[in-house]
Amino acid sequence: MRPYTDLHRATFPVAVDAVDAFGRAFGLAAVPVSYLIDELGIIRLRGGGPQPAFLEAVEHVLAEPLATVASPPRKVPPAQSQSIEALRARLQEQPDDRAASLELAQRLSQEGRREEAIACLEAVARRHPADGAVLFAWGLALLEAGHRDRALAQFKAARDLEPANWRIRKQIWAIEHPDKFYTGRSPDYDWQKQQLRLEQAQP
């Protein structure tokens, strides 16, 4: 990410979603994806990336008079994330609660308790073996903890369950071919198309 943002002299904050919270929340199957969210928190536009048509639509929204989007202020309570202890208690009562398991793993990972996060995701994967999102989350936790080969195995299992999910496929490619992803000139879309053709040609 940094070589790309440095090359293009980005002047805005860039965050890396290492635990895939955004991807899960929005059900994303491909990247890049762009969202334009106005000052009221309303998603005004969604696009596949910085394409001319999308950028033109963004300019159109930005040119709107403020009165067209303004509304009386409303108080929105901040999102309350549960503590690790509360999530563990919730799972004691409802062991199949997938959302609680994923949130617990995310909280553990945020606190640097990576091996506990991995164990949590391994347990939920046993309960939901056909859930590509769970296997993908497990792979991310393994990768963050430095278990490259184990992470790759989970990503490939997730890809087999969700072959149309480009986020999973691109994660695999990024691990196997970092030179195509972590440079200022990446991503190389022609190379990605070639890789897809090669995968599809395999029996």
N, C-alpha and C. Protein backbone atom coordinates (compact mmCIF):
# COMPACT_ATOMS: atom_id res chain seq x y z
N MET A 1 0.83 -1.20 0.00
CA MET A 1 0.00 0.00 0.00
C MET A 1 0.87 1.26 0.00
N ARG A 2 1.91 1.30 0.86
CA ARG A 2 2.71 2.52 0.97
C ARG A 2 3.42 2.90 -0.33
N PRO A 3 4.02 1.94 -1.07
CA PRO A 3 4.66 2.36 -2.33
C PRO A 3 3.67 3.03 -3.28
N TYR A 4 2.43 2.52 -3.31
CA TYR A 4 1.42 3.09 -4.21
C TYR A 4 1.01 4.49 -3.77
N THR A 5 0.74 4.66 -2.48
CA THR A 5 0.32 5.97 -2.00
C THR A 5 1.46 6.98 -2.07
N ASP A 6 2.70 6.51 -1.85
CA ASP A 6 3.84 7.42 -1.97
C ASP A 6 4.03 7.87 -3.42
N LEU A 7 3.89 6.94 -4.35
CA LEU A 7 4.07 7.28 -5.76
C LEU A 7 3.05 8.32 -6.20
N HIS A 8 1.81 8.17 -5.73
CA HIS A 8 0.74 9.07 -6.15
C HIS A 8 0.56 10.26 -5.20
N ARG A 9 1.46 10.38 -4.24
CA ARG A 9 1.50 11.52 -3.32
C ARG A 9 0.15 11.75 -2.63
N ALA A 10 -0.38 10.70 -2.06
CA ALA A 10 -1.66 10.82 -1.36
C ALA A 10 -1.52 11.79 -0.20
N THR A 11 -2.48 12.69 -0.07
CA THR A 11 -2.44 13.70 0.99
C THR A 11 -3.49 13.45 2.05
N PHE A 12 -4.11 12.29 2.01
CA PHE A 12 -5.17 11.96 2.97
C PHE A 12 -4.77 10.70 3.73
N PRO A 13 -5.37 10.49 4.90
CA PRO A 13 -5.03 9.29 5.68
C PRO A 13 -5.44 8.01 4.93
N VAL A 14 -4.61 7.00 5.00
CA VAL A 14 -4.91 5.72 4.38
C VAL A 14 -4.84 4.66 5.47
N ALA A 15 -5.94 3.95 5.65
CA ALA A 15 -6.00 2.90 6.67
C ALA A 15 -5.96 1.53 6.00
N VAL A 16 -5.36 0.57 6.66
CA VAL A 16 -5.31 -0.80 6.16
C VAL A 16 -6.22 -1.66 7.04
N ASP A 17 -7.18 -2.31 6.41
CA ASP A 17 -8.15 -3.13 7.13
C ASP A 17 -7.61 -4.55 7.24
N ALA A 18 -6.69 -4.76 8.18
CA ALA A 18 -6.01 -6.05 8.29
C ALA A 18 -6.93 -7.17 8.75
N VAL A 19 -8.04 -6.84 9.41
CA VAL A 19 -8.94 -7.89 9.90
C VAL A 19 -10.19 -8.03 9.05
N ASP A 20 -10.26 -7.31 7.93
CA ASP A 20 -11.37 -7.42 6.98
C ASP A 20 -12.71 -6.99 7.59
N ALA A 21 -12.70 -6.05 8.52
CA ALA A 21 -13.95 -5.58 9.12
C ALA A 21 -14.82 -4.89 8.08
N PHE A 22 -14.21 -4.07 7.24
CA PHE A 22 -14.96 -3.35 6.21
C PHE A 22 -15.51 -4.33 5.18
N GLY A 23 -14.68 -5.26 4.76
CA GLY A 23 -15.13 -6.25 3.77
C GLY A 23 -16.32 -7.05 4.26
N ARG A 24 -16.28 -7.48 5.54
CA ARG A 24 -17.40 -8.24 6.09
C ARG A 24 -18.64 -7.38 6.23
N ALA A 25 -18.45 -6.14 6.70
CA ALA A 25 -19.60 -5.26 6.94
C ALA A 25 -20.36 -4.95 5.66
N PHE A 26 -19.63 -4.80 4.55
CA PHE A 26 -20.26 -4.42 3.29
C PHE A 26 -20.42 -5.60 2.34
N GLY A 27 -20.02 -6.78 2.76
CA GLY A 27 -20.16 -7.95 1.90
C GLY A 27 -19.40 -7.83 0.59
N LEU A 28 -18.19 -7.29 0.65
CA LEU A 28 -17.44 -7.03 -0.57
C LEU A 28 -16.89 -8.33 -1.16
N ALA A 29 -17.00 -8.43 -2.49
CA ALA A 29 -16.46 -9.58 -3.19
C ALA A 29 -15.32 -9.17 -4.11
N ALA A 30 -15.05 -7.88 -4.20
CA ALA A 30 -13.98 -7.42 -5.10
C ALA A 30 -13.43 -6.10 -4.61
N VAL A 31 -12.18 -5.85 -4.95
CA VAL A 31 -11.52 -4.57 -4.72
C VAL A 31 -10.77 -4.23 -6.00
N PRO A 32 -10.54 -2.97 -6.33
CA PRO A 32 -10.90 -1.81 -5.52
C PRO A 32 -12.39 -1.50 -5.57
N VAL A 33 -12.86 -0.84 -4.53
CA VAL A 33 -14.24 -0.37 -4.46
C VAL A 33 -14.21 0.99 -3.78
N SER A 34 -15.07 1.88 -4.20
CA SER A 34 -15.09 3.24 -3.64
C SER A 34 -16.48 3.56 -3.11
N TYR A 35 -16.51 4.22 -1.96
CA TYR A 35 -17.76 4.71 -1.38
C TYR A 35 -17.62 6.20 -1.14
N LEU A 36 -18.67 6.94 -1.44
CA LEU A 36 -18.73 8.35 -1.09
C LEU A 36 -19.79 8.49 -0.02
N ILE A 37 -19.37 8.90 1.18
CA ILE A 37 -20.27 9.03 2.33
C ILE A 37 -20.36 10.50 2.68
N ASP A 38 -21.58 11.03 2.76
CA ASP A 38 -21.72 12.46 3.02
C ASP A 38 -21.62 12.76 4.50
N GLU A 39 -21.77 14.05 4.84
CA GLU A 39 -21.56 14.47 6.22
C GLU A 39 -22.62 13.94 7.18
N LEU A 40 -23.71 13.39 6.65
CA LEU A 40 -24.74 12.79 7.50
C LEU A 40 -24.52 11.30 7.68
N GLY A 41 -23.48 10.78 7.06
CA GLY A 41 -23.21 9.35 7.16
C GLY A 41 -23.99 8.52 6.17
N ILE A 42 -24.54 9.17 5.14
CA ILE A 42 -25.32 8.46 4.13
C ILE A 42 -24.41 8.08 2.96
N ILE A 43 -24.48 6.82 2.55
CA ILE A 43 -23.70 6.40 1.40
C ILE A 43 -24.39 6.95 0.15
N ARG A 44 -23.71 7.86 -0.53
CA ARG A 44 -24.28 8.50 -1.71
C ARG A 44 -23.91 7.78 -3.00
N LEU A 45 -22.69 7.25 -3.05
CA LEU A 45 -22.23 6.58 -4.26
C LEU A 45 -21.40 5.36 -3.91
N ARG A 46 -21.45 4.39 -4.80
CA ARG A 46 -20.59 3.21 -4.69
C ARG A 46 -20.06 2.92 -6.08
N GLY A 47 -18.76 2.74 -6.21
CA GLY A 47 -18.17 2.47 -7.50
C GLY A 47 -17.06 1.46 -7.40
N GLY A 48 -16.66 0.92 -8.54
CA GLY A 48 -15.64 -0.12 -8.56
C GLY A 48 -14.23 0.41 -8.39
N GLY A 49 -14.05 1.70 -8.46
CA GLY A 49 -12.72 2.27 -8.37
C GLY A 49 -12.72 3.65 -8.99
N PRO A 50 -11.57 4.26 -9.13
CA PRO A 50 -11.51 5.65 -9.64
C PRO A 50 -11.71 5.74 -11.16
N GLN A 51 -12.83 5.23 -11.63
CA GLN A 51 -13.13 5.30 -13.06
C GLN A 51 -13.70 6.67 -13.40
N PRO A 52 -13.54 7.13 -14.66
CA PRO A 52 -14.02 8.47 -15.03
C PRO A 52 -15.50 8.71 -14.70
N ALA A 53 -16.36 7.74 -14.97
CA ALA A 53 -17.79 7.92 -14.71
C ALA A 53 -18.05 8.11 -13.21
N PHE A 54 -17.33 7.34 -12.39
CA PHE A 54 -17.51 7.45 -10.94
C PHE A 54 -17.00 8.80 -10.45
N LEU A 55 -15.83 9.22 -10.93
CA LEU A 55 -15.28 10.50 -10.51
C LEU A 55 -16.19 11.66 -10.93
N GLU A 56 -16.82 11.53 -12.10
CA GLU A 56 -17.77 12.56 -12.54
C GLU A 56 -18.98 12.61 -11.61
N ALA A 57 -19.45 11.42 -11.20
CA ALA A 57 -20.58 11.37 -10.26
C ALA A 57 -20.20 11.98 -8.92
N VAL A 58 -18.97 11.75 -8.48
CA VAL A 58 -18.49 12.36 -7.22
C VAL A 58 -18.51 13.88 -7.33
N GLU A 59 -17.99 14.39 -8.43
CA GLU A 59 -17.98 15.84 -8.64
C GLU A 59 -19.40 16.41 -8.63
N HIS A 60 -20.33 15.66 -9.19
CA HIS A 60 -21.73 16.11 -9.22
C HIS A 60 -22.29 16.22 -7.80
N VAL A 61 -22.02 15.19 -6.98
CA VAL A 61 -22.50 15.21 -5.59
C VAL A 61 -21.85 16.35 -4.81
N LEU A 62 -20.54 16.54 -5.01
CA LEU A 62 -19.84 17.60 -4.28
C LEU A 62 -20.33 18.99 -4.66
N ALA A 63 -20.86 19.12 -5.88
CA ALA A 63 -21.35 20.43 -6.34
C ALA A 63 -22.76 20.74 -5.86
N GLU A 64 -23.42 19.77 -5.22
CA GLU A 64 -24.78 20.00 -4.74
C GLU A 64 -24.78 21.08 -3.66
N PRO A 65 -25.80 21.93 -3.67
CA PRO A 65 -25.93 22.89 -2.55
C PRO A 65 -26.12 22.12 -1.25
N LEU A 66 -25.55 22.63 -0.19
CA LEU A 66 -25.63 21.95 1.10
C LEU A 66 -27.08 21.70 1.51
N ALA A 67 -27.97 22.62 1.13
CA ALA A 67 -29.38 22.50 1.54
C ALA A 67 -30.02 21.22 1.01
N THR A 68 -29.52 20.67 -0.09
CA THR A 68 -30.15 19.49 -0.65
C THR A 68 -29.86 18.23 0.15
N VAL A 69 -28.81 18.28 0.97
CA VAL A 69 -28.50 17.10 1.76
C VAL A 69 -28.63 17.36 3.26
N ALA A 70 -28.81 18.62 3.62
CA ALA A 70 -28.87 18.94 5.05
C ALA A 70 -30.18 18.47 5.66
N SER A 71 -30.12 18.09 6.89
CA SER A 71 -31.31 17.69 7.63
C SER A 71 -31.06 18.04 9.09
N PRO A 72 -32.12 18.03 9.91
CA PRO A 72 -31.89 18.35 11.32
C PRO A 72 -30.85 17.42 11.93
N PRO A 73 -29.97 17.94 12.75
CA PRO A 73 -28.95 17.08 13.35
C PRO A 73 -29.58 15.98 14.18
N ARG A 74 -28.99 14.83 14.15
CA ARG A 74 -29.50 13.72 14.93
C ARG A 74 -28.36 13.10 15.71
N LYS A 75 -28.66 12.69 16.90
CA LYS A 75 -27.62 12.09 17.72
C LYS A 75 -27.58 10.59 17.45
N VAL A 76 -26.42 10.12 17.06
CA VAL A 76 -26.23 8.70 16.81
C VAL A 76 -25.29 8.17 17.88
N PRO A 77 -25.77 7.23 18.68
CA PRO A 77 -24.89 6.71 19.73
C PRO A 77 -23.70 6.00 19.12
N PRO A 78 -22.53 6.15 19.72
CA PRO A 78 -21.36 5.46 19.18
C PRO A 78 -21.53 3.95 19.24
N ALA A 79 -20.97 3.27 18.27
CA ALA A 79 -21.06 1.82 18.25
C ALA A 79 -20.34 1.26 19.47
N GLN A 80 -21.02 0.37 20.16
CA GLN A 80 -20.44 -0.21 21.36
C GLN A 80 -19.93 -1.61 21.04
N SER A 81 -18.64 -1.79 21.11
CA SER A 81 -18.11 -3.14 20.91
C SER A 81 -18.06 -3.83 22.26
N GLN A 82 -18.38 -5.09 22.26
CA GLN A 82 -18.41 -5.84 23.51
C GLN A 82 -17.00 -6.20 23.94
N SER A 83 -16.84 -6.34 25.22
CA SER A 83 -15.53 -6.74 25.75
C SER A 83 -15.27 -8.20 25.40
N ILE A 84 -14.00 -8.58 25.49
CA ILE A 84 -13.64 -9.97 25.23
C ILE A 84 -14.37 -10.89 26.19
N GLU A 85 -14.46 -10.48 27.46
CA GLU A 85 -15.15 -11.31 28.45
C GLU A 85 -16.63 -11.46 28.12
N ALA A 86 -17.27 -10.36 27.68
CA ALA A 86 -18.69 -10.42 27.33
C ALA A 86 -18.91 -11.31 26.11
N LEU A 87 -18.00 -11.24 25.15
CA LEU A 87 -18.13 -12.08 23.96
C LEU A 87 -17.94 -13.55 24.31
N ARG A 88 -16.99 -13.84 25.20
CA ARG A 88 -16.80 -15.23 25.62
C ARG A 88 -18.05 -15.74 26.34
N ALA A 89 -18.64 -14.89 27.18
CA ALA A 89 -19.86 -15.30 27.89
C ALA A 89 -21.00 -15.54 26.90
N ARG A 90 -21.10 -14.67 25.90
CA ARG A 90 -22.14 -14.83 24.86
C ARG A 90 -21.96 -16.16 24.13
N LEU A 91 -20.71 -16.52 23.86
CA LEU A 91 -20.46 -17.77 23.15
C LEU A 91 -20.67 -18.99 24.04
N GLN A 92 -20.52 -18.81 25.33
CA GLN A 92 -20.85 -19.92 26.24
C GLN A 92 -22.32 -20.28 26.12
N GLU A 93 -23.17 -19.26 25.96
CA GLU A 93 -24.61 -19.49 25.85
C GLU A 93 -25.01 -19.90 24.44
N GLN A 94 -24.30 -19.32 23.43
CA GLN A 94 -24.64 -19.60 22.03
C GLN A 94 -23.36 -19.94 21.26
N PRO A 95 -22.89 -21.17 21.37
CA PRO A 95 -21.62 -21.54 20.74
C PRO A 95 -21.61 -21.38 19.22
N ASP A 96 -22.78 -21.42 18.59
CA ASP A 96 -22.84 -21.30 17.13
C ASP A 96 -22.96 -19.86 16.64
N ASP A 97 -22.83 -18.89 17.55
CA ASP A 97 -22.97 -17.49 17.16
C ASP A 97 -21.74 -17.07 16.35
N ARG A 98 -21.88 -17.14 15.04
CA ARG A 98 -20.77 -16.85 14.12
C ARG A 98 -20.28 -15.41 14.28
N ALA A 99 -21.22 -14.46 14.35
CA ALA A 99 -20.85 -13.05 14.45
C ALA A 99 -20.04 -12.77 15.71
N ALA A 100 -20.47 -13.37 16.83
CA ALA A 100 -19.75 -13.17 18.09
C ALA A 100 -18.34 -13.78 18.01
N SER A 101 -18.23 -14.93 17.36
CA SER A 101 -16.92 -15.56 17.22
C SER A 101 -15.97 -14.70 16.40
N LEU A 102 -16.47 -14.15 15.30
CA LEU A 102 -15.63 -13.31 14.45
C LEU A 102 -15.24 -12.02 15.18
N GLU A 103 -16.19 -11.46 15.93
CA GLU A 103 -15.87 -10.24 16.68
C GLU A 103 -14.85 -10.53 17.78
N LEU A 104 -15.00 -11.67 18.44
CA LEU A 104 -14.04 -12.04 19.49
C LEU A 104 -12.64 -12.19 18.89
N ALA A 105 -12.54 -12.86 17.76
CA ALA A 105 -11.23 -13.03 17.12
C ALA A 105 -10.65 -11.68 16.74
N GLN A 106 -11.49 -10.78 16.25
CA GLN A 106 -11.01 -9.45 15.88
C GLN A 106 -10.49 -8.69 17.10
N ARG A 107 -11.23 -8.76 18.21
CA ARG A 107 -10.80 -8.06 19.42
C ARG A 107 -9.49 -8.65 19.95
N LEU A 108 -9.38 -9.96 19.94
CA LEU A 108 -8.14 -10.61 20.39
C LEU A 108 -6.96 -10.17 19.53
N SER A 109 -7.19 -10.14 18.23
CA SER A 109 -6.12 -9.73 17.31
C SER A 109 -5.71 -8.28 17.56
N GLN A 110 -6.69 -7.41 17.81
CA GLN A 110 -6.40 -6.00 18.07
C GLN A 110 -5.55 -5.83 19.32
N GLU A 111 -5.71 -6.72 20.27
CA GLU A 111 -4.94 -6.64 21.51
C GLU A 111 -3.60 -7.39 21.42
N GLY A 112 -3.29 -7.87 20.22
CA GLY A 112 -2.03 -8.57 20.04
C GLY A 112 -2.04 -10.02 20.48
N ARG A 113 -3.22 -10.54 20.80
CA ARG A 113 -3.34 -11.93 21.26
C ARG A 113 -3.63 -12.81 20.04
N ARG A 114 -2.66 -12.87 19.15
CA ARG A 114 -2.87 -13.47 17.83
C ARG A 114 -3.14 -14.97 17.89
N GLU A 115 -2.40 -15.67 18.73
CA GLU A 115 -2.61 -17.13 18.80
C GLU A 115 -3.99 -17.46 19.35
N GLU A 116 -4.48 -16.65 20.28
CA GLU A 116 -5.84 -16.86 20.79
C GLU A 116 -6.86 -16.58 19.70
N ALA A 117 -6.60 -15.54 18.90
CA ALA A 117 -7.50 -15.22 17.78
C ALA A 117 -7.54 -16.38 16.79
N ILE A 118 -6.38 -16.96 16.50
CA ILE A 118 -6.30 -18.08 15.57
C ILE A 118 -7.08 -19.28 16.12
N ALA A 119 -6.91 -19.57 17.41
CA ALA A 119 -7.63 -20.69 18.02
C ALA A 119 -9.14 -20.46 17.97
N CYS A 120 -9.56 -19.23 18.18
CA CYS A 120 -10.98 -18.88 18.12
C CYS A 120 -11.53 -19.12 16.71
N LEU A 121 -10.78 -18.69 15.71
CA LEU A 121 -11.24 -18.85 14.32
C LEU A 121 -11.19 -20.30 13.88
N GLU A 122 -10.23 -21.04 14.38
CA GLU A 122 -10.19 -22.48 14.07
C GLU A 122 -11.43 -23.17 14.63
N ALA A 123 -11.85 -22.77 15.83
CA ALA A 123 -13.04 -23.36 16.44
C ALA A 123 -14.31 -23.01 15.64
N VAL A 124 -14.42 -21.76 15.22
CA VAL A 124 -15.63 -21.38 14.46
C VAL A 124 -15.60 -22.01 13.08
N ALA A 125 -14.42 -22.24 12.51
CA ALA A 125 -14.33 -22.91 11.21
C ALA A 125 -14.78 -24.36 11.31
N ARG A 126 -14.53 -24.99 12.45
CA ARG A 126 -15.01 -26.37 12.63
C ARG A 126 -16.54 -26.40 12.66
N ARG A 127 -17.13 -25.34 13.20
CA ARG A 127 -18.60 -25.28 13.26
C ARG A 127 -19.20 -24.85 11.92
N HIS A 128 -18.45 -24.08 11.14
CA HIS A 128 -18.96 -23.55 9.86
C HIS A 128 -17.94 -23.85 8.76
N PRO A 129 -17.72 -25.13 8.44
CA PRO A 129 -16.65 -25.48 7.49
C PRO A 129 -16.90 -25.02 6.06
N ALA A 130 -18.14 -24.69 5.73
CA ALA A 130 -18.45 -24.26 4.36
C ALA A 130 -18.62 -22.75 4.26
N ASP A 131 -18.16 -22.03 5.26
CA ASP A 131 -18.29 -20.57 5.28
C ASP A 131 -16.97 -19.94 4.85
N GLY A 132 -16.94 -19.46 3.60
CA GLY A 132 -15.71 -18.89 3.06
C GLY A 132 -15.23 -17.68 3.84
N ALA A 133 -16.16 -16.87 4.35
CA ALA A 133 -15.77 -15.68 5.11
C ALA A 133 -15.02 -16.05 6.39
N VAL A 134 -15.45 -17.14 7.02
CA VAL A 134 -14.77 -17.60 8.24
C VAL A 134 -13.36 -18.08 7.91
N LEU A 135 -13.23 -18.86 6.85
CA LEU A 135 -11.91 -19.35 6.46
C LEU A 135 -10.99 -18.20 6.05
N PHE A 136 -11.56 -17.19 5.39
CA PHE A 136 -10.78 -16.02 5.00
C PHE A 136 -10.28 -15.28 6.24
N ALA A 137 -11.17 -15.08 7.22
CA ALA A 137 -10.77 -14.42 8.47
C ALA A 137 -9.68 -15.22 9.19
N TRP A 138 -9.82 -16.52 9.18
CA TRP A 138 -8.81 -17.40 9.80
C TRP A 138 -7.47 -17.22 9.09
N GLY A 139 -7.52 -17.18 7.77
CA GLY A 139 -6.29 -16.97 7.00
C GLY A 139 -5.63 -15.64 7.32
N LEU A 140 -6.43 -14.58 7.46
CA LEU A 140 -5.88 -13.27 7.79
C LEU A 140 -5.18 -13.29 9.15
N ALA A 141 -5.81 -13.97 10.12
CA ALA A 141 -5.20 -14.06 11.46
C ALA A 141 -3.90 -14.84 11.40
N LEU A 142 -3.88 -15.92 10.64
CA LEU A 142 -2.66 -16.71 10.49
C LEU A 142 -1.56 -15.89 9.82
N LEU A 143 -1.94 -15.15 8.79
CA LEU A 143 -0.95 -14.34 8.07
C LEU A 143 -0.37 -13.26 8.97
N GLU A 144 -1.23 -12.62 9.77
CA GLU A 144 -0.76 -11.57 10.68
C GLU A 144 0.20 -12.14 11.71
N ALA A 145 0.01 -13.42 12.08
CA ALA A 145 0.89 -14.05 13.07
C ALA A 145 2.13 -14.65 12.44
N GLY A 146 2.29 -14.50 11.11
CA GLY A 146 3.48 -14.99 10.45
C GLY A 146 3.42 -16.41 9.94
N HIS A 147 2.23 -17.02 9.95
CA HIS A 147 2.07 -18.40 9.48
C HIS A 147 1.65 -18.39 8.01
N ARG A 148 2.59 -18.07 7.15
CA ARG A 148 2.28 -17.85 5.73
C ARG A 148 1.63 -19.06 5.06
N ASP A 149 2.24 -20.23 5.19
CA ASP A 149 1.76 -21.41 4.48
C ASP A 149 0.38 -21.85 4.99
N ARG A 150 0.20 -21.78 6.30
CA ARG A 150 -1.11 -22.14 6.86
C ARG A 150 -2.17 -21.14 6.40
N ALA A 151 -1.80 -19.88 6.34
CA ALA A 151 -2.73 -18.85 5.87
C ALA A 151 -3.11 -19.10 4.42
N LEU A 152 -2.14 -19.42 3.61
CA LEU A 152 -2.38 -19.66 2.20
C LEU A 152 -3.34 -20.83 2.01
N ALA A 153 -3.19 -21.86 2.83
CA ALA A 153 -4.08 -23.02 2.73
C ALA A 153 -5.52 -22.62 3.03
N GLN A 154 -5.72 -21.76 4.04
CA GLN A 154 -7.09 -21.33 4.37
C GLN A 154 -7.65 -20.41 3.28
N PHE A 155 -6.82 -19.55 2.73
CA PHE A 155 -7.29 -18.68 1.65
C PHE A 155 -7.73 -19.51 0.45
N LYS A 156 -6.97 -20.54 0.12
CA LYS A 156 -7.32 -21.37 -1.03
C LYS A 156 -8.60 -22.16 -0.77
N ALA A 157 -8.78 -22.61 0.47
CA ALA A 157 -10.03 -23.30 0.81
C ALA A 157 -11.21 -22.33 0.71
N ALA A 158 -11.00 -21.09 1.15
CA ALA A 158 -12.07 -20.07 1.05
C ALA A 158 -12.37 -19.76 -0.40
N ARG A 159 -11.32 -19.65 -1.22
CA ARG A 159 -11.53 -19.38 -2.66
C ARG A 159 -12.34 -20.49 -3.32
N ASP A 160 -12.06 -21.74 -2.95
CA ASP A 160 -12.80 -22.86 -3.53
C ASP A 160 -14.28 -22.81 -3.16
N LEU A 161 -14.57 -22.27 -1.97
CA LEU A 161 -15.97 -22.13 -1.54
C LEU A 161 -16.64 -20.93 -2.19
N GLU A 162 -15.86 -19.88 -2.45
CA GLU A 162 -16.40 -18.65 -3.03
C GLU A 162 -15.55 -18.23 -4.24
N PRO A 163 -15.66 -18.94 -5.35
CA PRO A 163 -14.79 -18.65 -6.50
C PRO A 163 -15.00 -17.27 -7.11
N ALA A 164 -16.14 -16.65 -6.85
CA ALA A 164 -16.39 -15.32 -7.42
C ALA A 164 -15.89 -14.19 -6.51
N ASN A 165 -15.31 -14.55 -5.36
CA ASN A 165 -14.84 -13.53 -4.42
C ASN A 165 -13.41 -13.14 -4.78
N TRP A 166 -13.27 -11.98 -5.39
CA TRP A 166 -11.97 -11.53 -5.86
C TRP A 166 -11.06 -11.10 -4.72
N ARG A 167 -11.61 -10.70 -3.60
CA ARG A 167 -10.76 -10.32 -2.47
C ARG A 167 -9.94 -11.52 -2.00
N ILE A 168 -10.57 -12.68 -1.97
CA ILE A 168 -9.86 -13.89 -1.55
C ILE A 168 -8.79 -14.24 -2.57
N ARG A 169 -9.17 -14.25 -3.83
CA ARG A 169 -8.22 -14.61 -4.89
C ARG A 169 -7.01 -13.66 -4.89
N LYS A 170 -7.29 -12.37 -4.76
CA LYS A 170 -6.19 -11.40 -4.79
C LYS A 170 -5.28 -11.54 -3.57
N GLN A 171 -5.84 -11.97 -2.44
CA GLN A 171 -4.99 -12.18 -1.27
C GLN A 171 -4.00 -13.31 -1.54
N ILE A 172 -4.48 -14.36 -2.19
CA ILE A 172 -3.61 -15.49 -2.55
C ILE A 172 -2.51 -15.01 -3.49
N TRP A 173 -2.91 -14.29 -4.52
CA TRP A 173 -1.93 -13.80 -5.49
C TRP A 173 -0.90 -12.88 -4.82
N ALA A 174 -1.36 -12.04 -3.90
CA ALA A 174 -0.45 -11.10 -3.24
C ALA A 174 0.61 -11.84 -2.42
N ILE A 175 0.22 -12.98 -1.83
CA ILE A 175 1.18 -13.77 -1.05
C ILE A 175 2.15 -14.48 -1.99
N GLU A 176 1.62 -15.08 -3.05
CA GLU A 176 2.46 -15.87 -3.94
C GLU A 176 3.29 -15.01 -4.90
N HIS A 177 2.80 -13.81 -5.21
CA HIS A 177 3.48 -12.93 -6.17
C HIS A 177 3.51 -11.50 -5.64
N PRO A 178 4.24 -11.26 -4.54
CA PRO A 178 4.24 -9.92 -3.95
C PRO A 178 4.76 -8.84 -4.91
N ASP A 179 5.60 -9.24 -5.86
CA ASP A 179 6.13 -8.26 -6.81
C ASP A 179 5.05 -7.66 -7.70
N LYS A 180 3.90 -8.32 -7.78
CA LYS A 180 2.81 -7.81 -8.60
C LYS A 180 1.82 -6.96 -7.79
N PHE A 181 2.04 -6.86 -6.48
CA PHE A 181 1.07 -6.17 -5.62
C PHE A 181 1.68 -5.07 -4.76
N TYR A 182 2.93 -5.18 -4.38
CA TYR A 182 3.49 -4.25 -3.40
C TYR A 182 4.54 -3.33 -3.99
N THR A 183 4.21 -2.76 -5.12
CA THR A 183 5.08 -1.77 -5.73
C THR A 183 4.23 -0.55 -6.07
N GLY A 184 4.89 0.54 -6.41
CA GLY A 184 4.15 1.75 -6.78
C GLY A 184 3.36 1.60 -8.04
N ARG A 185 3.72 0.61 -8.89
CA ARG A 185 3.02 0.42 -10.16
C ARG A 185 1.93 -0.63 -10.08
N SER A 186 1.73 -1.25 -8.93
CA SER A 186 0.69 -2.26 -8.81
C SER A 186 -0.66 -1.56 -8.58
N PRO A 187 -1.77 -2.23 -8.79
CA PRO A 187 -1.87 -3.61 -9.24
C PRO A 187 -1.74 -3.74 -10.76
N ASP A 188 -1.26 -4.89 -11.18
CA ASP A 188 -1.07 -5.19 -12.59
C ASP A 188 -2.28 -5.99 -13.06
N TYR A 189 -3.25 -5.29 -13.62
CA TYR A 189 -4.51 -5.95 -13.99
C TYR A 189 -4.33 -6.91 -15.16
N ASP A 190 -3.45 -6.62 -16.08
CA ASP A 190 -3.21 -7.55 -17.20
C ASP A 190 -2.65 -8.87 -16.67
N TRP A 191 -1.73 -8.78 -15.72
CA TRP A 191 -1.19 -9.99 -15.10
C TRP A 191 -2.28 -10.77 -14.38
N GLN A 192 -3.18 -10.07 -13.68
CA GLN A 192 -4.26 -10.74 -12.97
C GLN A 192 -5.19 -11.47 -13.93
N LYS A 193 -5.49 -10.86 -15.05
CA LYS A 193 -6.33 -11.52 -16.05
C LYS A 193 -5.66 -12.78 -16.59
N GLN A 194 -4.35 -12.70 -16.78
CA GLN A 194 -3.61 -13.87 -17.25
C GLN A 194 -3.65 -14.98 -16.21
N GLN A 195 -3.48 -14.62 -14.93
CA GLN A 195 -3.52 -15.61 -13.87
C GLN A 195 -4.88 -16.29 -13.82
N LEU A 196 -5.93 -15.52 -13.99
CA LEU A 196 -7.28 -16.08 -13.96
C LEU A 196 -7.47 -17.07 -15.11
N ARG A 197 -6.97 -16.72 -16.27
CA ARG A 197 -7.08 -17.63 -17.43
C ARG A 197 -6.34 -18.93 -17.14
N LEU A 198 -5.16 -18.82 -16.51
CA LEU A 198 -4.40 -20.01 -16.18
C LEU A 198 -5.13 -20.89 -15.17
N GLU A 199 -5.75 -20.25 -14.17
CA GLU A 199 -6.51 -21.01 -13.17
C GLU A 199 -7.69 -21.71 -13.82
N GLN A 200 -8.39 -21.02 -14.70
CA GLN A 200 -9.57 -21.59 -15.33
C GLN A 200 -9.21 -22.73 -16.28
N ALA A 201 -7.97 -22.71 -16.80
CA ALA A 201 -7.54 -23.76 -17.73
C ALA A 201 -7.14 -25.03 -17.00
N GLN A 202 -6.93 -24.94 -15.66
CA GLN A 202 -6.53 -26.11 -14.90
C GLN A 202 -7.72 -27.04 -14.70
N PRO A 203 -7.47 -28.38 -14.76
CA PRO A 203 -8.59 -29.33 -14.57
C PRO A 203 -9.12 -29.31 -13.15
